[in-house]
Amino acid sequence: MRVLVLFLVLSSWTSAAWAKTLKVPKGTTNVNQLHDELLNQFPAWRGAQQPDGTFINPLLRVEHTDQEIRLSLPDDTDERVIQAVVKAHRPKPAKDVKALKQSAKRKLKDLGLTQDEVDAILSD
C-alpha cells in the first residue's frame, strides 16, 4: 500500500522515500466530496459490500488535518489518474450552517421549547 499526501498549499507532485505527495491550493478541497469522486473513478476501492450496505476492507483510506489530506492507496495506482481527479475536483459550497441553525431555532420554539432549551440543543 502506498500513501499519497495532499498538502493544501501548491499544485505539484513530489515524491519522498515513503510516499508520493500531491499539493493542492488551500481551501479548495471538500474532503468528503473528493473521497466520493475517487471512489467513483475506482469503484473496487470501496471494498467488499456487506448485506447491511456497509463496506469492509476498503482500498482507499482518507485522513485529513487543517493542512493536508493523506490518501492511502493500492501500490499499483496510476498517479496520473489521481492527479486528474484532484485537478477536476470542484468543491460544492458548504451548507450555510448559520441559516440552518436559525431555521432549527424557529422550529424548536414553535414546538414550545424555551430559549434555554433551544440553546442547549443547538450549542456547539
Protein backbone atom coordinates (compact mmCIF):
# COMPACT_ATOMS: atom_id res chain seq x y z
CA MET A 1 0.00 0.00 0.00
CA ARG A 2 1.31 3.45 -0.97
CA VAL A 3 0.41 6.70 0.77
CA LEU A 4 -0.27 9.92 -1.16
CA VAL A 5 -0.29 13.14 0.80
CA LEU A 6 -2.26 16.12 -0.49
CA PHE A 7 -0.88 19.30 1.07
CA LEU A 8 -3.27 22.20 0.74
CA VAL A 9 -0.62 24.67 -0.46
CA LEU A 10 0.56 24.48 -4.10
CA SER A 11 -0.23 22.39 -7.20
CA SER A 12 2.57 19.92 -7.95
CA TRP A 13 3.68 16.31 -7.48
CA THR A 14 6.74 15.49 -5.41
CA SER A 15 7.97 12.20 -4.07
CA ALA A 16 9.63 11.12 -0.84
CA ALA A 17 11.15 7.79 0.10
CA TRP A 18 7.92 6.59 1.73
CA ALA A 19 5.23 8.50 -0.18
CA LYS A 20 4.07 10.37 -3.20
CA THR A 21 2.88 13.88 -2.40
CA LEU A 22 0.26 15.91 -4.26
CA LYS A 23 -0.13 19.54 -3.26
CA VAL A 24 -3.36 21.41 -3.99
CA PRO A 25 -4.41 25.00 -3.18
CA LYS A 26 -5.54 25.54 0.39
CA GLY A 27 -9.27 25.89 0.84
CA THR A 28 -10.22 24.30 -2.46
CA THR A 29 -10.92 20.76 -1.28
CA ASN A 30 -14.09 19.21 0.09
CA VAL A 31 -12.61 16.03 1.62
CA ASN A 32 -15.85 14.02 1.61
CA GLN A 33 -16.62 15.02 -1.95
CA LEU A 34 -13.07 14.20 -3.13
CA HIS A 35 -13.33 10.79 -1.42
CA ASP A 36 -16.58 10.10 -3.31
CA GLU A 37 -15.05 11.28 -6.60
CA LEU A 38 -12.10 8.93 -6.16
CA LEU A 39 -14.43 6.02 -5.36
CA ASN A 40 -16.47 6.83 -8.47
CA GLN A 41 -13.26 6.60 -10.52
CA PHE A 42 -12.08 3.44 -8.72
CA PRO A 43 -15.21 1.55 -7.55
CA ALA A 44 -13.17 -1.52 -6.49
CA TRP A 45 -11.57 0.64 -3.79
CA ARG A 46 -14.86 0.57 -1.86
CA GLY A 47 -14.03 -2.94 -0.62
CA ALA A 48 -16.48 -5.77 -0.09
CA GLN A 49 -20.08 -4.74 0.46
CA GLN A 50 -21.90 -6.40 3.33
CA PRO A 51 -25.64 -7.25 3.37
CA ASP A 52 -26.30 -4.16 5.51
CA GLY A 53 -24.75 -1.91 2.83
CA THR A 54 -21.50 -1.17 4.67
CA PHE A 55 -18.10 -1.94 3.19
CA ILE A 56 -15.19 -3.85 4.71
CA ASN A 57 -11.54 -3.88 3.64
CA PRO A 58 -11.69 -0.68 1.59
CA LEU A 59 -8.63 0.02 -0.54
CA LEU A 60 -8.90 3.81 -0.19
CA ARG A 61 -8.26 5.50 3.12
CA VAL A 62 -8.56 9.26 3.54
CA GLU A 63 -7.25 11.19 6.54
CA HIS A 64 -7.02 14.95 6.84
CA THR A 65 -5.90 17.81 9.04
CA ASP A 66 -6.18 21.57 8.52
CA GLN A 67 -3.01 21.49 6.39
CA GLU A 68 -3.12 18.25 4.42
CA ILE A 69 -5.13 15.36 3.05
CA ARG A 70 -3.50 11.93 3.17
CA LEU A 71 -4.69 9.20 0.81
CA SER A 72 -3.66 5.58 1.35
CA LEU A 73 -3.93 3.77 -1.98
CA PRO A 74 -3.07 0.42 -3.60
CA ASP A 75 0.54 0.21 -4.82
CA ASP A 76 -0.43 -0.16 -8.48
CA THR A 77 -2.42 3.09 -8.56
CA ASP A 78 -1.77 5.29 -11.59
CA GLU A 79 -0.91 8.65 -10.02
CA ARG A 80 -1.85 10.43 -13.25
CA VAL A 81 -5.45 9.35 -12.73
CA ILE A 82 -5.39 10.55 -9.12
CA GLN A 83 -3.93 13.86 -10.27
CA ALA A 84 -6.67 14.19 -12.90
CA VAL A 85 -9.42 13.51 -10.34
CA VAL A 86 -7.94 16.07 -7.93
CA LYS A 87 -7.47 18.63 -10.72
CA ALA A 88 -11.09 18.14 -11.83
CA HIS A 89 -12.34 18.45 -8.24
CA ARG A 90 -14.73 21.36 -7.88
CA PRO A 91 -15.86 21.51 -4.25
CA LYS A 92 -19.53 22.12 -3.67
CA PRO A 93 -20.26 25.09 -1.42
CA ALA A 94 -20.62 24.24 2.25
CA LYS A 95 -24.14 24.40 3.62
CA ASP A 96 -24.99 27.65 5.34
CA VAL A 97 -24.76 26.38 8.94
CA LYS A 98 -25.86 29.70 10.40
CA ALA A 99 -29.07 29.73 8.35
CA LEU A 100 -29.74 26.09 9.23
CA LYS A 101 -29.34 26.85 12.96
CA GLN A 102 -31.70 29.83 12.72
CA SER A 103 -34.29 27.66 10.99
CA ALA A 104 -33.88 24.95 13.63
CA LYS A 105 -34.28 27.53 16.43
CA ARG A 106 -37.55 28.79 14.94
CA LYS A 107 -38.88 25.25 14.58
CA LEU A 108 -37.90 24.27 18.12
CA LYS A 109 -39.51 27.40 19.57
CA ASP A 110 -42.66 26.65 17.55
CA LEU A 111 -42.72 23.27 19.31
CA GLY A 112 -42.86 25.08 22.66
CA LEU A 113 -39.27 24.80 23.85
CA THR A 114 -37.82 27.62 25.95
CA GLN A 115 -34.88 29.69 24.72
CA ASP A 116 -32.60 27.91 27.23
CA GLU A 117 -33.72 24.51 25.90
CA VAL A 118 -33.17 25.60 22.29
CA ASP A 119 -29.71 26.98 23.14
CA ALA A 120 -28.77 23.74 24.92
CA ILE A 121 -29.81 21.62 21.95
CA LEU A 122 -28.01 23.77 19.38
CA SER A 123 -24.86 24.56 21.37
CA ASP A 124 -21.57 23.74 19.67
